[in-house]
Amino acid sequence: MFIDLTLALQPKTIEKYEKQSALDKPEIDIDTLKKVLAGHFGTHLDNMKKAFPLEYFQRKAVVFDVHHVKGRDIGISDIDFAKIKKDMCIVFYTGCAEELGYGNAKYFQDHPQLSKELIDKLLDCKISLIAIDAAGIRRAKEHTPTDQMCADNNVFVIENICNLQALLENSKNGEFIANTYPANYIDVTGLQCRMVAQI
């Protein structure tokens, strides 16, 4: 069984995102916006100009249901580290995609985030990927430096995934195989990608 975790986009979604970006950051010129849209729009992987290893295309994975965590960061005690093994893809279901919808200011600015302690412990586990149904694993000014720290530790962050309820309902103990296929660009910080769960 396969479940597509990739956000489905339409031209009107892109137009809405462009208008919202112009309102949020009017200082951004259209050329810069086009570069952002090229790699950081919809479901994408923040590679921070590093090559995506071919062996990362397929990874054992586990999804954690943390949608109940409200008013605070998602922390170490919210997931079961006994399920985490080296080289895995770790997925977080926050419910953000369903609750806020993709492409609006609230989705990008007020999304759930992982605590710094949780991110550090995940990196210590030598995993390969962190995926989340939100705009990032940290907000605002901490977003890019956190992605860079992860990439420096050979861990890549995949943002804006979806269909995690279906994944939880159909997988055994939240375990599955994550198939991730990013675009083959070089010298960019983000790569649009397709992510498909295999159960």
N, C-alpha and C. Protein backbone atom coordinates (compact mmCIF):
# COMPACT_ATOMS: atom_id res chain seq x y z
N MET A 1 0.84 -1.19 0.00
CA MET A 1 0.00 0.00 0.00
C MET A 1 0.88 1.25 0.00
N PHE A 2 0.49 2.25 -0.80
CA PHE A 2 1.23 3.50 -0.88
C PHE A 2 0.33 4.67 -0.47
N ILE A 3 0.89 5.61 0.28
CA ILE A 3 0.18 6.83 0.66
C ILE A 3 1.05 8.02 0.28
N ASP A 4 0.51 8.89 -0.54
CA ASP A 4 1.26 10.07 -0.97
C ASP A 4 1.23 11.11 0.14
N LEU A 5 2.41 11.50 0.60
CA LEU A 5 2.52 12.50 1.67
C LEU A 5 2.83 13.88 1.11
N THR A 6 2.75 14.01 -0.21
CA THR A 6 3.10 15.26 -0.89
C THR A 6 1.89 16.17 -1.01
N LEU A 7 2.08 17.42 -0.68
CA LEU A 7 1.02 18.41 -0.79
C LEU A 7 0.66 18.62 -2.25
N ALA A 8 -0.61 18.48 -2.59
CA ALA A 8 -1.08 18.71 -3.96
C ALA A 8 -1.26 20.21 -4.17
N LEU A 9 -0.64 20.74 -5.22
CA LEU A 9 -0.68 22.18 -5.48
C LEU A 9 -1.41 22.48 -6.78
N GLN A 10 -2.06 23.63 -6.80
CA GLN A 10 -2.73 24.11 -8.00
C GLN A 10 -2.18 25.49 -8.34
N PRO A 11 -2.33 25.94 -9.59
CA PRO A 11 -1.85 27.29 -9.93
C PRO A 11 -2.40 28.37 -9.01
N LYS A 12 -3.66 28.23 -8.59
CA LYS A 12 -4.24 29.27 -7.72
C LYS A 12 -3.56 29.28 -6.35
N THR A 13 -3.01 28.12 -5.92
CA THR A 13 -2.28 28.07 -4.65
C THR A 13 -1.01 28.90 -4.76
N ILE A 14 -0.34 28.80 -5.89
CA ILE A 14 0.89 29.56 -6.12
C ILE A 14 0.58 31.05 -6.14
N GLU A 15 -0.50 31.43 -6.82
CA GLU A 15 -0.89 32.84 -6.89
C GLU A 15 -1.19 33.38 -5.49
N LYS A 16 -1.89 32.58 -4.69
CA LYS A 16 -2.22 32.98 -3.33
C LYS A 16 -0.95 33.16 -2.51
N TYR A 17 0.01 32.26 -2.69
CA TYR A 17 1.27 32.33 -1.95
C TYR A 17 2.06 33.57 -2.36
N GLU A 18 2.08 33.87 -3.66
CA GLU A 18 2.79 35.05 -4.14
C GLU A 18 2.21 36.32 -3.55
N LYS A 19 0.87 36.42 -3.52
CA LYS A 19 0.21 37.60 -2.96
C LYS A 19 0.50 37.72 -1.47
N GLN A 20 0.45 36.58 -0.74
CA GLN A 20 0.71 36.61 0.69
C GLN A 20 2.15 37.01 0.96
N SER A 21 3.09 36.50 0.16
CA SER A 21 4.50 36.85 0.34
C SER A 21 4.72 38.33 0.10
N ALA A 22 4.04 38.89 -0.88
CA ALA A 22 4.16 40.31 -1.18
C ALA A 22 3.65 41.16 -0.01
N LEU A 23 2.60 40.66 0.67
CA LEU A 23 2.05 41.38 1.81
C LEU A 23 2.95 41.25 3.03
N ASP A 24 3.46 40.03 3.27
CA ASP A 24 4.28 39.76 4.44
C ASP A 24 5.65 40.42 4.33
N LYS A 25 6.24 40.37 3.12
CA LYS A 25 7.59 40.87 2.91
C LYS A 25 7.64 41.70 1.62
N PRO A 26 7.10 42.91 1.65
CA PRO A 26 7.05 43.73 0.45
C PRO A 26 8.42 44.10 -0.10
N GLU A 27 9.47 43.94 0.74
CA GLU A 27 10.81 44.28 0.27
C GLU A 27 11.39 43.23 -0.66
N ILE A 28 10.77 42.05 -0.73
CA ILE A 28 11.26 40.99 -1.60
C ILE A 28 10.88 41.28 -3.04
N ASP A 29 11.87 41.30 -3.91
CA ASP A 29 11.60 41.55 -5.32
C ASP A 29 11.13 40.26 -5.98
N ILE A 30 10.58 40.38 -7.17
CA ILE A 30 9.97 39.24 -7.85
C ILE A 30 10.98 38.15 -8.20
N ASP A 31 12.22 38.54 -8.53
CA ASP A 31 13.25 37.54 -8.85
C ASP A 31 13.59 36.69 -7.63
N THR A 32 13.69 37.34 -6.47
CA THR A 32 13.95 36.59 -5.23
C THR A 32 12.79 35.67 -4.92
N LEU A 33 11.57 36.17 -5.10
CA LEU A 33 10.39 35.36 -4.84
C LEU A 33 10.35 34.13 -5.73
N LYS A 34 10.73 34.29 -6.99
CA LYS A 34 10.75 33.16 -7.91
C LYS A 34 11.76 32.10 -7.45
N LYS A 35 12.89 32.55 -6.92
CA LYS A 35 13.89 31.59 -6.41
C LYS A 35 13.34 30.83 -5.21
N VAL A 36 12.62 31.56 -4.34
CA VAL A 36 12.00 30.92 -3.17
C VAL A 36 10.98 29.88 -3.62
N LEU A 37 10.14 30.28 -4.58
CA LEU A 37 9.11 29.37 -5.07
C LEU A 37 9.71 28.15 -5.72
N ALA A 38 10.88 28.31 -6.32
CA ALA A 38 11.51 27.20 -7.02
C ALA A 38 11.88 26.05 -6.09
N GLY A 39 12.28 26.35 -4.86
CA GLY A 39 12.74 25.27 -3.99
C GLY A 39 12.09 25.19 -2.64
N HIS A 40 11.37 26.22 -2.22
CA HIS A 40 10.80 26.25 -0.87
C HIS A 40 9.29 26.40 -0.89
N PHE A 41 8.68 25.81 -1.89
CA PHE A 41 7.23 25.91 -2.03
C PHE A 41 6.62 24.53 -1.97
N GLY A 42 5.49 24.38 -1.26
CA GLY A 42 4.86 23.08 -1.15
C GLY A 42 5.74 22.11 -0.38
N THR A 43 5.59 20.84 -0.66
CA THR A 43 6.42 19.82 -0.01
C THR A 43 7.84 19.94 -0.55
N HIS A 44 8.78 20.21 0.33
CA HIS A 44 10.17 20.38 -0.11
C HIS A 44 11.14 19.96 0.98
N LEU A 45 12.36 19.80 0.55
CA LEU A 45 13.44 19.35 1.42
C LEU A 45 14.47 20.47 1.52
N ASP A 46 14.82 20.86 2.74
CA ASP A 46 15.83 21.90 2.92
C ASP A 46 17.21 21.25 2.95
N ASN A 47 17.89 21.30 1.80
CA ASN A 47 19.20 20.66 1.69
C ASN A 47 20.35 21.60 1.99
N MET A 48 20.08 22.90 2.05
CA MET A 48 21.08 23.91 2.40
C MET A 48 22.35 23.78 1.55
N LYS A 49 22.14 23.60 0.25
CA LYS A 49 23.20 23.52 -0.77
C LYS A 49 24.05 22.25 -0.68
N LYS A 50 23.59 21.27 0.10
CA LYS A 50 24.30 20.00 0.18
C LYS A 50 23.64 18.98 -0.75
N ALA A 51 24.43 18.03 -1.23
CA ALA A 51 23.89 16.98 -2.09
C ALA A 51 23.04 16.02 -1.27
N PHE A 52 21.91 15.61 -1.84
CA PHE A 52 21.03 14.65 -1.18
C PHE A 52 21.54 13.24 -1.50
N PRO A 53 21.99 12.48 -0.49
CA PRO A 53 22.56 11.16 -0.74
C PRO A 53 21.55 10.20 -1.36
N LEU A 54 21.98 9.43 -2.32
CA LEU A 54 21.09 8.50 -3.00
C LEU A 54 20.47 7.48 -2.03
N GLU A 55 21.23 7.10 -1.01
CA GLU A 55 20.70 6.10 -0.07
C GLU A 55 19.57 6.66 0.78
N TYR A 56 19.40 7.97 0.81
CA TYR A 56 18.31 8.58 1.55
C TYR A 56 16.98 8.47 0.81
N PHE A 57 17.02 8.07 -0.46
CA PHE A 57 15.78 7.95 -1.24
C PHE A 57 14.77 7.03 -0.56
N GLN A 58 15.27 6.00 0.11
CA GLN A 58 14.39 5.05 0.80
C GLN A 58 14.92 4.82 2.21
N ARG A 59 14.07 5.07 3.18
CA ARG A 59 14.46 4.93 4.58
C ARG A 59 13.34 4.29 5.39
N LYS A 60 13.71 3.48 6.39
CA LYS A 60 12.73 3.04 7.37
C LYS A 60 12.28 4.28 8.12
N ALA A 61 10.99 4.31 8.47
CA ALA A 61 10.44 5.53 9.06
C ALA A 61 9.42 5.22 10.14
N VAL A 62 9.17 6.23 10.96
CA VAL A 62 8.13 6.13 11.98
C VAL A 62 7.47 7.50 12.11
N VAL A 63 6.13 7.49 12.25
CA VAL A 63 5.39 8.72 12.42
C VAL A 63 4.91 8.83 13.86
N PHE A 64 5.09 10.00 14.46
CA PHE A 64 4.64 10.25 15.82
C PHE A 64 3.46 11.23 15.80
N ASP A 65 2.39 10.85 16.50
CA ASP A 65 1.21 11.69 16.60
C ASP A 65 1.39 12.67 17.75
N VAL A 66 1.64 13.94 17.43
CA VAL A 66 1.86 14.96 18.45
C VAL A 66 0.84 16.11 18.28
N HIS A 67 -0.28 15.80 17.61
CA HIS A 67 -1.24 16.87 17.32
C HIS A 67 -1.92 17.42 18.58
N HIS A 68 -1.82 16.67 19.67
CA HIS A 68 -2.41 17.11 20.94
C HIS A 68 -1.56 18.15 21.66
N VAL A 69 -0.31 18.33 21.24
CA VAL A 69 0.59 19.28 21.91
C VAL A 69 0.21 20.70 21.49
N LYS A 70 -0.26 21.49 22.42
CA LYS A 70 -0.69 22.86 22.14
C LYS A 70 -0.07 23.82 23.15
N GLY A 71 0.24 25.02 22.70
CA GLY A 71 0.72 26.06 23.60
C GLY A 71 2.15 25.92 24.06
N ARG A 72 2.88 24.97 23.49
CA ARG A 72 4.29 24.77 23.85
C ARG A 72 4.99 24.03 22.72
N ASP A 73 6.31 23.97 22.81
CA ASP A 73 7.08 23.21 21.82
C ASP A 73 6.86 21.71 22.01
N ILE A 74 6.98 20.98 20.93
CA ILE A 74 6.95 19.52 20.99
C ILE A 74 8.28 19.07 21.58
N GLY A 75 8.22 18.29 22.66
CA GLY A 75 9.43 17.98 23.39
C GLY A 75 9.83 16.51 23.37
N ILE A 76 10.91 16.22 24.03
CA ILE A 76 11.47 14.87 24.09
C ILE A 76 10.46 13.87 24.66
N SER A 77 9.71 14.27 25.66
CA SER A 77 8.76 13.36 26.32
C SER A 77 7.52 13.06 25.46
N ASP A 78 7.36 13.77 24.35
CA ASP A 78 6.18 13.59 23.51
C ASP A 78 6.31 12.44 22.51
N ILE A 79 7.51 11.89 22.38
CA ILE A 79 7.71 10.77 21.44
C ILE A 79 8.44 9.62 22.12
N ASP A 80 8.36 8.46 21.50
CA ASP A 80 8.99 7.25 22.05
C ASP A 80 10.32 7.01 21.34
N PHE A 81 11.40 7.35 22.01
CA PHE A 81 12.72 7.22 21.40
C PHE A 81 13.14 5.77 21.19
N ALA A 82 12.44 4.84 21.84
CA ALA A 82 12.74 3.42 21.63
C ALA A 82 12.46 2.99 20.20
N LYS A 83 11.60 3.74 19.50
CA LYS A 83 11.25 3.42 18.11
C LYS A 83 12.25 3.98 17.11
N ILE A 84 13.15 4.82 17.58
CA ILE A 84 14.06 5.53 16.66
C ILE A 84 15.38 4.79 16.54
N LYS A 85 15.77 4.53 15.30
CA LYS A 85 17.04 3.85 15.01
C LYS A 85 17.86 4.71 14.05
N LYS A 86 19.13 4.41 13.98
CA LYS A 86 20.05 5.11 13.09
C LYS A 86 19.55 5.07 11.64
N ASP A 87 19.73 6.15 10.92
CA ASP A 87 19.41 6.28 9.49
C ASP A 87 17.91 6.41 9.19
N MET A 88 17.06 6.48 10.18
CA MET A 88 15.62 6.53 9.93
C MET A 88 15.14 7.91 9.50
N CYS A 89 13.91 7.92 8.99
CA CYS A 89 13.16 9.14 8.74
C CYS A 89 12.14 9.28 9.87
N ILE A 90 12.17 10.41 10.57
CA ILE A 90 11.26 10.63 11.69
C ILE A 90 10.21 11.66 11.26
N VAL A 91 8.93 11.29 11.38
CA VAL A 91 7.82 12.11 10.89
C VAL A 91 6.96 12.58 12.06
N PHE A 92 6.56 13.86 12.00
CA PHE A 92 5.73 14.44 13.05
C PHE A 92 4.38 14.85 12.48
N TYR A 93 3.31 14.29 13.06
CA TYR A 93 1.96 14.68 12.71
C TYR A 93 1.48 15.70 13.74
N THR A 94 1.42 16.98 13.34
CA THR A 94 1.00 18.04 14.25
C THR A 94 -0.45 18.46 14.02
N GLY A 95 -1.01 18.11 12.86
CA GLY A 95 -2.35 18.53 12.52
C GLY A 95 -2.39 19.93 11.92
N CYS A 96 -1.24 20.56 11.78
CA CYS A 96 -1.19 21.93 11.29
C CYS A 96 -1.77 22.08 9.88
N ALA A 97 -1.45 21.14 9.01
CA ALA A 97 -1.91 21.22 7.62
C ALA A 97 -3.44 21.24 7.55
N GLU A 98 -4.09 20.38 8.36
CA GLU A 98 -5.55 20.34 8.36
C GLU A 98 -6.17 21.55 9.05
N GLU A 99 -5.56 21.97 10.15
CA GLU A 99 -6.14 23.04 10.96
C GLU A 99 -6.01 24.42 10.32
N LEU A 100 -4.85 24.72 9.76
CA LEU A 100 -4.59 26.06 9.26
C LEU A 100 -4.65 26.17 7.75
N GLY A 101 -4.40 25.07 7.04
CA GLY A 101 -4.37 25.14 5.59
C GLY A 101 -3.08 25.76 5.09
N TYR A 102 -2.59 25.27 3.97
CA TYR A 102 -1.31 25.75 3.44
C TYR A 102 -1.46 27.08 2.70
N GLY A 103 -0.46 27.94 2.83
CA GLY A 103 -0.40 29.13 2.00
C GLY A 103 -0.88 30.42 2.63
N ASN A 104 -1.20 30.41 3.93
CA ASN A 104 -1.61 31.66 4.57
C ASN A 104 -0.61 32.07 5.65
N ALA A 105 -0.70 33.30 6.10
CA ALA A 105 0.28 33.84 7.03
C ALA A 105 0.34 33.05 8.34
N LYS A 106 -0.82 32.66 8.87
CA LYS A 106 -0.85 31.94 10.14
C LYS A 106 -0.12 30.60 10.02
N TYR A 107 -0.29 29.93 8.88
CA TYR A 107 0.38 28.64 8.66
C TYR A 107 1.89 28.81 8.73
N PHE A 108 2.41 29.86 8.14
CA PHE A 108 3.85 30.06 8.09
C PHE A 108 4.42 30.66 9.37
N GLN A 109 3.63 31.43 10.08
CA GLN A 109 4.17 32.16 11.24
C GLN A 109 3.86 31.51 12.58
N ASP A 110 2.73 30.79 12.69
CA ASP A 110 2.29 30.27 13.99
C ASP A 110 2.26 28.75 14.06
N HIS A 111 3.00 28.10 13.20
CA HIS A 111 2.98 26.63 13.16
C HIS A 111 3.64 26.02 14.39
N PRO A 112 3.30 24.77 14.72
CA PRO A 112 3.97 24.08 15.83
C PRO A 112 5.46 23.95 15.53
N GLN A 113 6.26 23.78 16.58
CA GLN A 113 7.69 23.59 16.36
C GLN A 113 8.26 22.60 17.37
N LEU A 114 9.38 22.00 16.99
CA LEU A 114 10.08 21.07 17.86
C LEU A 114 10.98 21.85 18.80
N SER A 115 11.11 21.37 20.03
CA SER A 115 12.01 22.03 20.97
C SER A 115 13.46 21.83 20.52
N LYS A 116 14.32 22.73 20.94
CA LYS A 116 15.74 22.61 20.60
C LYS A 116 16.33 21.33 21.17
N GLU A 117 15.87 20.97 22.37
CA GLU A 117 16.38 19.75 23.01
C GLU A 117 15.97 18.51 22.21
N LEU A 118 14.76 18.50 21.69
CA LEU A 118 14.30 17.37 20.88
C LEU A 118 15.11 17.27 19.59
N ILE A 119 15.33 18.39 18.94
CA ILE A 119 16.12 18.38 17.70
C ILE A 119 17.53 17.87 17.97
N ASP A 120 18.15 18.36 19.04
CA ASP A 120 19.50 17.91 19.38
C ASP A 120 19.55 16.41 19.62
N LYS A 121 18.55 15.88 20.32
CA LYS A 121 18.54 14.44 20.62
C LYS A 121 18.31 13.64 19.35
N LEU A 122 17.49 14.13 18.44
CA LEU A 122 17.28 13.44 17.16
C LEU A 122 18.59 13.40 16.37
N LEU A 123 19.32 14.50 16.37
CA LEU A 123 20.60 14.53 15.66
C LEU A 123 21.59 13.54 16.29
N ASP A 124 21.54 13.43 17.61
CA ASP A 124 22.43 12.47 18.30
C ASP A 124 22.12 11.03 17.89
N CYS A 125 20.88 10.78 17.46
CA CYS A 125 20.49 9.43 17.03
C CYS A 125 20.97 9.09 15.63
N LYS A 126 21.60 10.05 14.94
CA LYS A 126 22.15 9.82 13.59
C LYS A 126 21.08 9.40 12.59
N ILE A 127 19.94 10.06 12.67
CA ILE A 127 18.87 9.79 11.71
C ILE A 127 19.20 10.44 10.37
N SER A 128 18.36 10.24 9.36
CA SER A 128 18.60 10.81 8.04
C SER A 128 17.67 11.99 7.73
N LEU A 129 16.40 11.85 8.11
CA LEU A 129 15.40 12.83 7.72
C LEU A 129 14.45 13.15 8.87
N ILE A 130 14.02 14.41 8.92
CA ILE A 130 12.93 14.83 9.81
C ILE A 130 11.86 15.43 8.91
N ALA A 131 10.64 14.92 8.99
CA ALA A 131 9.54 15.43 8.15
C ALA A 131 8.41 15.91 9.05
N ILE A 132 7.73 16.98 8.61
CA ILE A 132 6.68 17.57 9.42
C ILE A 132 5.58 18.16 8.54
N ASP A 133 4.34 18.11 9.04
CA ASP A 133 3.20 18.67 8.30
C ASP A 133 3.00 20.14 8.67
N ALA A 134 4.06 20.89 8.63
CA ALA A 134 4.05 22.31 8.98
C ALA A 134 5.14 23.00 8.16
N ALA A 135 5.28 24.31 8.38
CA ALA A 135 6.22 25.10 7.57
C ALA A 135 7.67 24.96 8.01
N GLY A 136 7.93 24.24 9.08
CA GLY A 136 9.30 24.04 9.53
C GLY A 136 9.34 23.41 10.90
N ILE A 137 10.55 23.09 11.36
CA ILE A 137 10.68 22.50 12.70
C ILE A 137 11.00 23.57 13.75
N ARG A 138 11.38 24.78 13.28
CA ARG A 138 11.50 25.96 14.14
C ARG A 138 10.93 27.16 13.39
N ARG A 139 10.48 28.16 14.12
CA ARG A 139 9.83 29.32 13.51
C ARG A 139 10.77 30.51 13.34
N ALA A 140 10.35 31.41 12.47
CA ALA A 140 10.93 32.74 12.29
C ALA A 140 12.45 32.69 12.10
N LYS A 141 13.19 33.48 12.89
CA LYS A 141 14.63 33.61 12.69
C LYS A 141 15.40 32.33 12.98
N GLU A 142 14.78 31.40 13.72
CA GLU A 142 15.45 30.14 14.06
C GLU A 142 15.27 29.09 12.97
N HIS A 143 14.42 29.36 12.00
CA HIS A 143 14.11 28.37 10.96
C HIS A 143 15.36 28.00 10.15
N THR A 144 15.96 28.96 9.49
CA THR A 144 17.09 28.68 8.60
C THR A 144 18.32 28.16 9.36
N PRO A 145 18.73 28.78 10.49
CA PRO A 145 19.88 28.24 11.22
C PRO A 145 19.67 26.79 11.69
N THR A 146 18.44 26.45 12.05
CA THR A 146 18.15 25.07 12.48
C THR A 146 18.27 24.11 11.31
N ASP A 147 17.73 24.49 10.15
CA ASP A 147 17.87 23.65 8.96
C ASP A 147 19.34 23.46 8.61
N GLN A 148 20.12 24.54 8.75
CA GLN A 148 21.56 24.46 8.45
C GLN A 148 22.26 23.52 9.43
N MET A 149 21.92 23.62 10.71
CA MET A 149 22.52 22.74 11.71
C MET A 149 22.21 21.28 11.39
N CYS A 150 20.97 21.02 11.00
CA CYS A 150 20.59 19.64 10.65
C CYS A 150 21.39 19.16 9.44
N ALA A 151 21.45 19.99 8.40
CA ALA A 151 22.19 19.61 7.19
C ALA A 151 23.66 19.38 7.49
N ASP A 152 24.22 20.19 8.38
CA ASP A 152 25.63 20.02 8.76
C ASP A 152 25.86 18.68 9.46
N ASN A 153 24.77 18.12 10.00
CA ASN A 153 24.84 16.80 10.64
C ASN A 153 24.27 15.70 9.75
N ASN A 154 24.19 16.00 8.43
CA ASN A 154 23.69 15.06 7.42
C ASN A 154 22.25 14.62 7.67
N VAL A 155 21.46 15.52 8.23
CA VAL A 155 20.03 15.30 8.45
C VAL A 155 19.29 16.39 7.68
N PHE A 156 18.31 15.99 6.87
CA PHE A 156 17.58 16.96 6.07
C PHE A 156 16.13 17.06 6.54
N VAL A 157 15.60 18.28 6.51
CA VAL A 157 14.25 18.55 6.98
C VAL A 157 13.30 18.64 5.79
N ILE A 158 12.20 17.89 5.86
CA ILE A 158 11.17 17.92 4.82
C ILE A 158 9.94 18.62 5.41
N GLU A 159 9.50 19.66 4.74
CA GLU A 159 8.41 20.49 5.24
C GLU A 159 7.15 20.36 4.38
N ASN A 160 6.01 20.65 5.00
CA ASN A 160 4.72 20.72 4.31
C ASN A 160 4.27 19.37 3.73
N ILE A 161 4.40 18.30 4.52
CA ILE A 161 3.85 17.02 4.08
C ILE A 161 2.40 16.93 4.55
N CYS A 162 1.67 15.92 4.10
CA CYS A 162 0.25 15.81 4.42
C CYS A 162 -0.17 14.34 4.47
N ASN A 163 -1.47 14.11 4.68
CA ASN A 163 -2.07 12.76 4.72
C ASN A 163 -1.52 11.89 5.85
N LEU A 164 -1.13 12.51 6.94
CA LEU A 164 -0.55 11.73 8.04
C LEU A 164 -1.59 10.99 8.86
N GLN A 165 -2.83 11.46 8.85
CA GLN A 165 -3.89 10.70 9.53
C GLN A 165 -4.07 9.35 8.87
N ALA A 166 -4.09 9.34 7.55
CA ALA A 166 -4.21 8.08 6.82
C ALA A 166 -3.02 7.17 7.09
N LEU A 167 -1.85 7.77 7.20
CA LEU A 167 -0.65 6.99 7.48
C LEU A 167 -0.74 6.35 8.86
N LEU A 168 -1.19 7.10 9.85
CA LEU A 168 -1.33 6.57 11.20
C LEU A 168 -2.37 5.45 11.26
N GLU A 169 -3.44 5.62 10.52
CA GLU A 169 -4.53 4.64 10.54
C GLU A 169 -4.15 3.32 9.86
N ASN A 170 -3.25 3.39 8.89
CA ASN A 170 -2.93 2.20 8.10
C ASN A 170 -1.60 1.55 8.42
N SER A 171 -0.75 2.21 9.17
CA SER A 171 0.56 1.63 9.50
C SER A 171 0.52 0.94 10.85
N LYS A 172 1.37 -0.04 11.01
CA LYS A 172 1.46 -0.76 12.27
C LYS A 172 2.47 -0.06 13.17
N ASN A 173 2.00 0.42 14.32
CA ASN A 173 2.84 1.15 15.27
C ASN A 173 3.49 2.38 14.65
N GLY A 174 2.87 2.92 13.59
CA GLY A 174 3.40 4.11 12.95
C GLY A 174 4.60 3.87 12.07
N GLU A 175 4.93 2.60 11.83
CA GLU A 175 6.14 2.28 11.06
C GLU A 175 5.83 2.10 9.57
N PHE A 176 6.72 2.57 8.71
CA PHE A 176 6.55 2.46 7.27
C PHE A 176 7.89 2.67 6.58
N ILE A 177 7.89 2.62 5.26
CA ILE A 177 9.07 2.94 4.46
C ILE A 177 8.82 4.30 3.80
N ALA A 178 9.74 5.23 3.98
CA ALA A 178 9.62 6.56 3.38
C ALA A 178 10.43 6.60 2.09
N ASN A 179 9.75 6.92 1.00
CA ASN A 179 10.39 7.10 -0.30
C ASN A 179 10.37 8.59 -0.63
N THR A 180 11.54 9.19 -0.76
CA THR A 180 11.65 10.63 -0.96
C THR A 180 12.48 10.91 -2.20
N TYR A 181 11.90 11.69 -3.13
CA TYR A 181 12.58 11.97 -4.39
C TYR A 181 12.61 13.48 -4.66
N PRO A 182 13.73 14.14 -4.29
CA PRO A 182 13.85 15.58 -4.52
C PRO A 182 14.29 15.89 -5.95
N ALA A 183 13.99 17.12 -6.38
CA ALA A 183 14.48 17.59 -7.68
C ALA A 183 16.00 17.62 -7.67
N ASN A 184 16.60 17.45 -8.84
CA ASN A 184 18.06 17.34 -8.94
C ASN A 184 18.68 18.68 -9.34
N TYR A 185 18.61 19.65 -8.41
CA TYR A 185 19.25 20.95 -8.61
C TYR A 185 20.49 21.03 -7.73
N ILE A 186 21.43 21.86 -8.12
CA ILE A 186 22.62 22.07 -7.29
C ILE A 186 22.70 23.55 -6.89
N ASP A 187 23.44 23.82 -5.81
CA ASP A 187 23.68 25.17 -5.32
C ASP A 187 22.38 25.89 -4.95
N VAL A 188 21.45 25.15 -4.35
CA VAL A 188 20.21 25.73 -3.85
C VAL A 188 20.01 25.29 -2.40
N THR A 189 19.17 26.00 -1.67
CA THR A 189 18.94 25.65 -0.26
C THR A 189 17.71 24.79 -0.06
N GLY A 190 16.85 24.71 -1.10
CA GLY A 190 15.65 23.90 -0.98
C GLY A 190 15.35 23.16 -2.26
N LEU A 191 14.80 21.96 -2.11
CA LEU A 191 14.47 21.12 -3.26
C LEU A 191 13.03 20.64 -3.13
N GLN A 192 12.18 20.99 -4.08
CA GLN A 192 10.84 20.42 -4.07
C GLN A 192 10.96 18.92 -4.24
N CYS A 193 10.10 18.17 -3.57
CA CYS A 193 10.24 16.72 -3.60
C CYS A 193 8.88 16.03 -3.53
N ARG A 194 8.89 14.77 -3.91
CA ARG A 194 7.74 13.88 -3.74
C ARG A 194 8.09 12.93 -2.61
N MET A 195 7.17 12.79 -1.66
CA MET A 195 7.38 11.85 -0.55
C MET A 195 6.20 10.91 -0.48
N VAL A 196 6.50 9.61 -0.55
CA VAL A 196 5.46 8.58 -0.58
C VAL A 196 5.76 7.53 0.49
N ALA A 197 4.74 7.24 1.30
CA ALA A 197 4.89 6.20 2.32
C ALA A 197 4.50 4.84 1.73
N GLN A 198 5.32 3.83 2.03
CA GLN A 198 5.04 2.47 1.61
C GLN A 198 4.81 1.63 2.87
N ILE A 199 3.64 0.99 2.91
CA ILE A 199 3.27 0.19 4.08
C ILE A 199 3.22 -1.28 3.71
